[in-house]
């Protein structure tokens, strides 16, 4: 009787483990975003502003 109860318990545990059936795993594609700009891309605007201010200061000093 003990073996029968053990067999029934194992059968119940095994049937619940595969109750959902097999489902194909979903693999999402990996998206890699690459920065196409150069590393000094954000340097041009502040440098241009500095040159304009320095030019205006030099022009004001020469007057």
PDB file of N, CA and C in Angstrom:
ATOM      1  N   UNK A   1       0.820  -1.189   0.000  1.00  0.00           N
ATOM      2  CA  UNK A   1       0.000   0.000   0.000  1.00  0.00           C
ATOM      3  C   UNK A   1       0.866   1.256   0.000  1.00  0.00           C
ATOM      4  N   UNK A   2       1.999   1.180   0.721  1.00  0.00           N
ATOM      5  CA  UNK A   2       2.895   2.317   0.787  1.00  0.00           C
ATOM      6  C   UNK A   2       3.453   2.653  -0.595  1.00  0.00           C
ATOM      7  N   UNK A   3       3.817   1.616  -1.339  1.00  0.00           N
ATOM      8  CA  UNK A   3       4.376   1.818  -2.680  1.00  0.00           C
ATOM      9  C   UNK A   3       3.332   2.410  -3.623  1.00  0.00           C
ATOM     10  N   UNK A   4       2.086   1.992  -3.445  1.00  0.00           N
ATOM     11  CA  UNK A   4       1.012   2.506  -4.284  1.00  0.00           C
ATOM     12  C   UNK A   4       0.793   3.997  -4.043  1.00  0.00           C
ATOM     13  N   UNK A   5       0.817   4.419  -2.790  1.00  0.00           N
ATOM     14  CA  UNK A   5       0.641   5.836  -2.447  1.00  0.00           C
ATOM     15  C   UNK A   5       1.820   6.643  -2.981  1.00  0.00           C
ATOM     16  N   UNK A   6       3.028   6.108  -2.857  1.00  0.00           N
ATOM     17  CA  UNK A   6       4.217   6.784  -3.359  1.00  0.00           C
ATOM     18  C   UNK A   6       4.154   6.907  -4.883  1.00  0.00           C
ATOM     19  N   UNK A   7       3.743   5.858  -5.562  1.00  0.00           N
ATOM     20  CA  UNK A   7       3.619   5.888  -7.012  1.00  0.00           C
ATOM     21  C   UNK A   7       2.550   6.883  -7.455  1.00  0.00           C
ATOM     22  N   UNK A   8       1.455   6.956  -6.725  1.00  0.00           N
ATOM     23  CA  UNK A   8       0.383   7.892  -7.061  1.00  0.00           C
ATOM     24  C   UNK A   8       0.853   9.329  -6.852  1.00  0.00           C
ATOM     25  N   UNK A   9       1.613   9.568  -5.792  1.00  0.00           N
ATOM     26  CA  UNK A   9       2.116  10.914  -5.525  1.00  0.00           C
ATOM     27  C   UNK A   9       3.113  11.342  -6.603  1.00  0.00           C
ATOM     28  N   UNK A  10       3.991  10.443  -7.006  1.00  0.00           N
ATOM     29  CA  UNK A  10       4.959  10.757  -8.063  1.00  0.00           C
ATOM     30  C   UNK A  10       4.258  10.980  -9.402  1.00  0.00           C
ATOM     31  N   UNK A  11       3.253  10.201  -9.689  1.00  0.00           N
ATOM     32  CA  UNK A  11       2.508  10.368 -10.934  1.00  0.00           C
ATOM     33  C   UNK A  11       1.769  11.708 -10.956  1.00  0.00           C
ATOM     34  N   UNK A  12       1.212  12.098  -9.815  1.00  0.00           N
ATOM     35  CA  UNK A  12       0.504  13.379  -9.736  1.00  0.00           C
ATOM     36  C   UNK A  12       1.490  14.533  -9.895  1.00  0.00           C
ATOM     37  N   UNK A  13       2.656  14.415  -9.297  1.00  0.00           N
ATOM     38  CA  UNK A  13       3.661  15.476  -9.407  1.00  0.00           C
ATOM     39  C   UNK A  13       4.176  15.575 -10.840  1.00  0.00           C
ATOM     40  N   UNK A  14       4.360  14.449 -11.498  1.00  0.00           N
ATOM     41  CA  UNK A  14       4.860  14.454 -12.875  1.00  0.00           C
ATOM     42  C   UNK A  14       3.818  15.001 -13.837  1.00  0.00           C
ATOM     43  N   UNK A  15       2.548  14.722 -13.591  1.00  0.00           N
ATOM     44  CA  UNK A  15       1.513  15.200 -14.516  1.00  0.00           C
ATOM     45  C   UNK A  15       1.317  16.705 -14.398  1.00  0.00           C
ATOM     46  N   UNK A  16       1.512  17.267 -13.192  1.00  0.00           N
ATOM     47  CA  UNK A  16       1.371  18.716 -13.061  1.00  0.00           C
ATOM     48  C   UNK A  16       2.581  19.440 -13.630  1.00  0.00           C
ATOM     49  N   UNK A  17       3.716  18.762 -13.691  1.00  0.00           N
ATOM     50  CA  UNK A  17       4.913  19.407 -14.222  1.00  0.00           C
ATOM     51  C   UNK A  17       4.807  19.615 -15.731  1.00  0.00           C
ATOM     52  N   UNK A  18       4.108  18.755 -16.435  1.00  0.00           N
ATOM     53  CA  UNK A  18       3.990  18.870 -17.886  1.00  0.00           C
ATOM     54  C   UNK A  18       2.564  19.181 -18.318  1.00  0.00           C
ATOM     55  N   UNK A  19       1.768  19.731 -17.434  1.00  0.00           N
ATOM     56  CA  UNK A  19       0.365  19.964 -17.744  1.00  0.00           C
ATOM     57  C   UNK A  19       0.187  21.020 -18.830  1.00  0.00           C
ATOM     58  N   UNK A  20       1.111  21.976 -18.915  1.00  0.00           N
ATOM     59  CA  UNK A  20       0.963  23.044 -19.891  1.00  0.00           C
ATOM     60  C   UNK A  20       1.380  22.646 -21.291  1.00  0.00           C
ATOM     61  N   UNK A  21       2.097  21.573 -21.423  1.00  0.00           N
ATOM     62  CA  UNK A  21       2.580  21.159 -22.726  1.00  0.00           C
ATOM     63  C   UNK A  21       3.821  21.951 -23.114  1.00  0.00           C
ATOM     64  N   UNK A  22       4.323  21.681 -24.316  1.00  0.00           N
ATOM     65  CA  UNK A  22       5.542  22.348 -24.779  1.00  0.00           C
ATOM     66  C   UNK A  22       5.188  23.604 -25.551  1.00  0.00           C
ATOM     67  N   UNK A  23       5.861  24.669 -25.223  1.00  0.00           N
ATOM     68  CA  UNK A  23       5.676  25.928 -25.926  1.00  0.00           C
ATOM     69  C   UNK A  23       7.030  26.395 -26.435  1.00  0.00           C
ATOM     70  N   UNK A  24       7.067  26.811 -27.672  1.00  0.00           N
ATOM     71  CA  UNK A  24       8.310  27.300 -28.267  1.00  0.00           C
ATOM     72  C   UNK A  24       8.756  28.569 -27.540  1.00  0.00           C
ATOM     73  N   UNK A  25      10.020  28.633 -27.109  1.00  0.00           N
ATOM     74  CA  UNK A  25      10.473  29.842 -26.417  1.00  0.00           C
ATOM     75  C   UNK A  25      10.520  31.042 -27.351  1.00  0.00           C
ATOM     76  N   UNK A  26      10.151  32.211 -26.827  1.00  0.00           N
ATOM     77  CA  UNK A  26      10.137  33.435 -27.614  1.00  0.00           C
ATOM     78  C   UNK A  26      11.457  34.165 -27.371  1.00  0.00           C
ATOM     79  N   UNK A  27      12.202  34.382 -28.433  1.00  0.00           N
ATOM     80  CA  UNK A  27      13.475  35.085 -28.333  1.00  0.00           C
ATOM     81  C   UNK A  27      13.310  36.438 -29.001  1.00  0.00           C
ATOM     82  N   UNK A  28      13.463  37.507 -28.200  1.00  0.00           N
ATOM     83  CA  UNK A  28      13.317  38.842 -28.751  1.00  0.00           C
ATOM     84  C   UNK A  28      14.614  39.266 -29.404  1.00  0.00           C
ATOM     85  N   UNK A  29      14.533  39.987 -30.522  1.00  0.00           N
ATOM     86  CA  UNK A  29      15.760  40.413 -31.196  1.00  0.00           C
ATOM     87  C   UNK A  29      16.509  41.467 -30.377  1.00  0.00           C
ATOM     88  N   UNK A  30      17.810  41.412 -30.466  1.00  0.00           N
ATOM     89  CA  UNK A  30      18.650  42.371 -29.747  1.00  0.00           C
ATOM     90  C   UNK A  30      18.866  43.578 -30.649  1.00  0.00           C
ATOM     91  N   UNK A  31      18.539  44.761 -30.134  1.00  0.00           N
ATOM     92  CA  UNK A  31      18.700  45.997 -30.903  1.00  0.00           C
ATOM     93  C   UNK A  31      19.914  46.732 -30.367  1.00  0.00           C
ATOM     94  N   UNK A  32      20.876  46.967 -31.248  1.00  0.00           N
ATOM     95  CA  UNK A  32      22.095  47.665 -30.864  1.00  0.00           C
ATOM     96  C   UNK A  32      22.072  49.041 -31.503  1.00  0.00           C
ATOM     97  N   UNK A  33      22.097  50.056 -30.654  1.00  0.00           N
ATOM     98  CA  UNK A  33      22.109  51.430 -31.151  1.00  0.00           C
ATOM     99  C   UNK A  33      23.533  51.948 -31.094  1.00  0.00           C
ATOM    100  N   UNK A  34      24.030  52.394 -32.230  1.00  0.00           N
ATOM    101  CA  UNK A  34      25.384  52.919 -32.286  1.00  0.00           C
ATOM    102  C   UNK A  34      25.329  54.424 -32.511  1.00  0.00           C
ATOM    103  N   UNK A  35      26.186  55.126 -31.809  1.00  0.00           N
ATOM    104  CA  UNK A  35      26.284  56.566 -31.967  1.00  0.00           C
ATOM    105  C   UNK A  35      27.131  56.849 -33.197  1.00  0.00           C
ATOM    106  N   UNK A  36      26.552  57.537 -34.181  1.00  0.00           N
ATOM    107  CA  UNK A  36      27.274  57.779 -35.427  1.00  0.00           C
ATOM    108  C   UNK A  36      28.104  59.051 -35.381  1.00  0.00           C
ATOM    109  N   UNK A  37      27.883  59.893 -34.390  1.00  0.00           N
ATOM    110  CA  UNK A  37      28.634  61.140 -34.281  1.00  0.00           C
ATOM    111  C   UNK A  37      30.003  60.909 -33.689  1.00  0.00           C
ATOM    112  N   UNK A  38      30.851  61.911 -33.821  1.00  0.00           N
ATOM    113  CA  UNK A  38      32.182  61.803 -33.243  1.00  0.00           C
ATOM    114  C   UNK A  38      32.128  62.088 -31.752  1.00  0.00           C
ATOM    115  N   UNK A  39      33.212  61.818 -31.065  1.00  0.00           N
ATOM    116  CA  UNK A  39      33.225  62.019 -29.622  1.00  0.00           C
ATOM    117  C   UNK A  39      33.250  63.501 -29.258  1.00  0.00           C
ATOM    118  N   UNK A  40      33.721  64.362 -30.170  1.00  0.00           N
ATOM    119  CA  UNK A  40      33.763  65.789 -29.900  1.00  0.00           C
ATOM    120  C   UNK A  40      32.604  66.534 -30.525  1.00  0.00           C
ATOM    121  N   UNK A  41      31.491  65.875 -30.778  1.00  0.00           N
ATOM    122  CA  UNK A  41      30.349  66.488 -31.436  1.00  0.00           C
ATOM    123  C   UNK A  41      29.718  67.608 -30.645  1.00  0.00           C
ATOM    124  N   UNK A  42      29.724  67.516 -29.336  1.00  0.00           N
ATOM    125  CA  UNK A  42      29.129  68.541 -28.504  1.00  0.00           C
ATOM    126  C   UNK A  42      30.086  69.673 -28.177  1.00  0.00           C
ATOM    127  N   UNK A  43      31.274  69.656 -28.749  1.00  0.00           N
ATOM    128  CA  UNK A  43      32.293  70.653 -28.440  1.00  0.00           C
ATOM    129  C   UNK A  43      32.210  71.867 -29.352  1.00  0.00           C
ATOM    130  N   UNK A  44      31.643  71.727 -30.538  1.00  0.00           N
ATOM    131  CA  UNK A  44      31.665  72.805 -31.534  1.00  0.00           C
ATOM    132  C   UNK A  44      30.850  74.025 -31.132  1.00  0.00           C
ATOM    133  N   UNK A  45      29.693  73.851 -30.579  1.00  0.00           N
ATOM    134  CA  UNK A  45      28.830  74.994 -30.238  1.00  0.00           C
ATOM    135  C   UNK A  45      29.447  75.845 -29.127  1.00  0.00           C
ATOM    136  N   UNK A  46      29.893  75.263 -28.008  1.00  0.00           N
ATOM    137  CA  UNK A  46      30.526  76.113 -26.988  1.00  0.00           C
ATOM    138  C   UNK A  46      31.809  76.775 -27.492  1.00  0.00           C
ATOM    139  N   UNK A  47      32.581  76.074 -28.329  1.00  0.00           N
ATOM    140  CA  UNK A  47      33.803  76.651 -28.886  1.00  0.00           C
ATOM    141  C   UNK A  47      33.482  77.823 -29.796  1.00  0.00           C
ATOM    142  N   UNK A  48      32.449  77.702 -30.607  1.00  0.00           N
ATOM    143  CA  UNK A  48      32.034  78.791 -31.495  1.00  0.00           C
ATOM    144  C   UNK A  48      31.556  79.998 -30.682  1.00  0.00           C
ATOM    145  N   UNK A  49      30.802  79.764 -29.626  1.00  0.00           N
ATOM    146  CA  UNK A  49      30.338  80.866 -28.766  1.00  0.00           C
ATOM    147  C   UNK A  49      31.524  81.559 -28.113  1.00  0.00           C
ATOM    148  N   UNK A  50      32.503  80.769 -27.657  1.00  0.00           N
ATOM    149  CA  UNK A  50      33.702  81.353 -27.049  1.00  0.00           C
ATOM    150  C   UNK A  50      34.464  82.224 -28.040  1.00  0.00           C
ATOM    151  N   UNK A  51      34.600  81.762 -29.276  1.00  0.00           N
ATOM    152  CA  UNK A  51      35.318  82.546 -30.303  1.00  0.00           C
ATOM    153  C   UNK A  51      34.575  83.842 -30.602  1.00  0.00           C
ATOM    154  N   UNK A  52      33.254  83.801 -30.681  1.00  0.00           N
ATOM    155  CA  UNK A  52      32.473  85.014 -30.959  1.00  0.00           C
ATOM    156  C   UNK A  52      32.617  86.009 -29.811  1.00  0.00           C
ATOM    157  N   UNK A  53      32.528  85.525 -28.568  1.00  0.00           N
ATOM    158  CA  UNK A  53      32.654  86.416 -27.417  1.00  0.00           C
ATOM    159  C   UNK A  53      34.068  86.986 -27.342  1.00  0.00           C
ATOM    160  N   UNK A  54      35.076  86.159 -27.610  1.00  0.00           N
ATOM    161  CA  UNK A  54      36.462  86.654 -27.581  1.00  0.00           C
ATOM    162  C   UNK A  54      36.693  87.682 -28.677  1.00  0.00           C
ATOM    163  N   UNK A  55      36.124  87.453 -29.856  1.00  0.00           N
ATOM    164  CA  UNK A  55      36.241  88.429 -30.942  1.00  0.00           C
ATOM    165  C   UNK A  55      35.561  89.729 -30.616  1.00  0.00           C
ATOM    166  N   UNK A  56      34.384  89.651 -29.989  1.00  0.00           N
ATOM    167  CA  UNK A  56      33.675  90.867 -29.612  1.00  0.00           C
ATOM    168  C   UNK A  56      34.418  91.606 -28.527  1.00  0.00           C
ATOM    169  N   UNK A  57      35.054  90.893 -27.600  1.00  0.00           N
ATOM    170  CA  UNK A  57      35.811  91.536 -26.546  1.00  0.00           C
ATOM    171  C   UNK A  57      37.063  92.187 -27.107  1.00  0.00           C
ATOM    172  N   UNK A  58      37.697  91.536 -28.077  1.00  0.00           N
ATOM    173  CA  UNK A  58      38.901  92.101 -28.696  1.00  0.00           C
ATOM    174  C   UNK A  58      38.542  93.339 -29.503  1.00  0.00           C
ATOM    175  N   UNK A  59      37.393  93.310 -30.172  1.00  0.00           N
ATOM    176  CA  UNK A  59      36.956  94.468 -30.958  1.00  0.00           C
ATOM    177  C   UNK A  59      36.597  95.629 -30.034  1.00  0.00           C
ATOM    178  N   UNK A  60      36.015  95.345 -28.901  1.00  0.00           N
ATOM    179  CA  UNK A  60      35.624  96.415 -27.961  1.00  0.00           C
ATOM    180  C   UNK A  60      36.862  96.989 -27.289  1.00  0.00           C
ATOM    181  N   UNK A  61      37.888  96.174 -27.078  1.00  0.00           N
ATOM    182  CA  UNK A  61      39.103  96.658 -26.434  1.00  0.00           C
ATOM    183  C   UNK A  61      39.936  97.517 -27.360  1.00  0.00           C
ATOM    184  N   UNK A  62      39.843  97.276 -28.659  1.00  0.00           N
ATOM    185  CA  UNK A  62      40.651  98.041 -29.602  1.00  0.00           C
ATOM    186  C   UNK A  62      40.048  99.417 -29.887  1.00  0.00           C
ATOM    187  N   UNK A  63      38.793  99.653 -29.555  1.00  0.00           N
ATOM    188  CA  UNK A  63      38.151 100.951 -29.789  1.00  0.00           C
ATOM    189  C   UNK A  63      38.540 101.920 -28.761  1.00  0.00           C
TER     190      UNK A  63
END
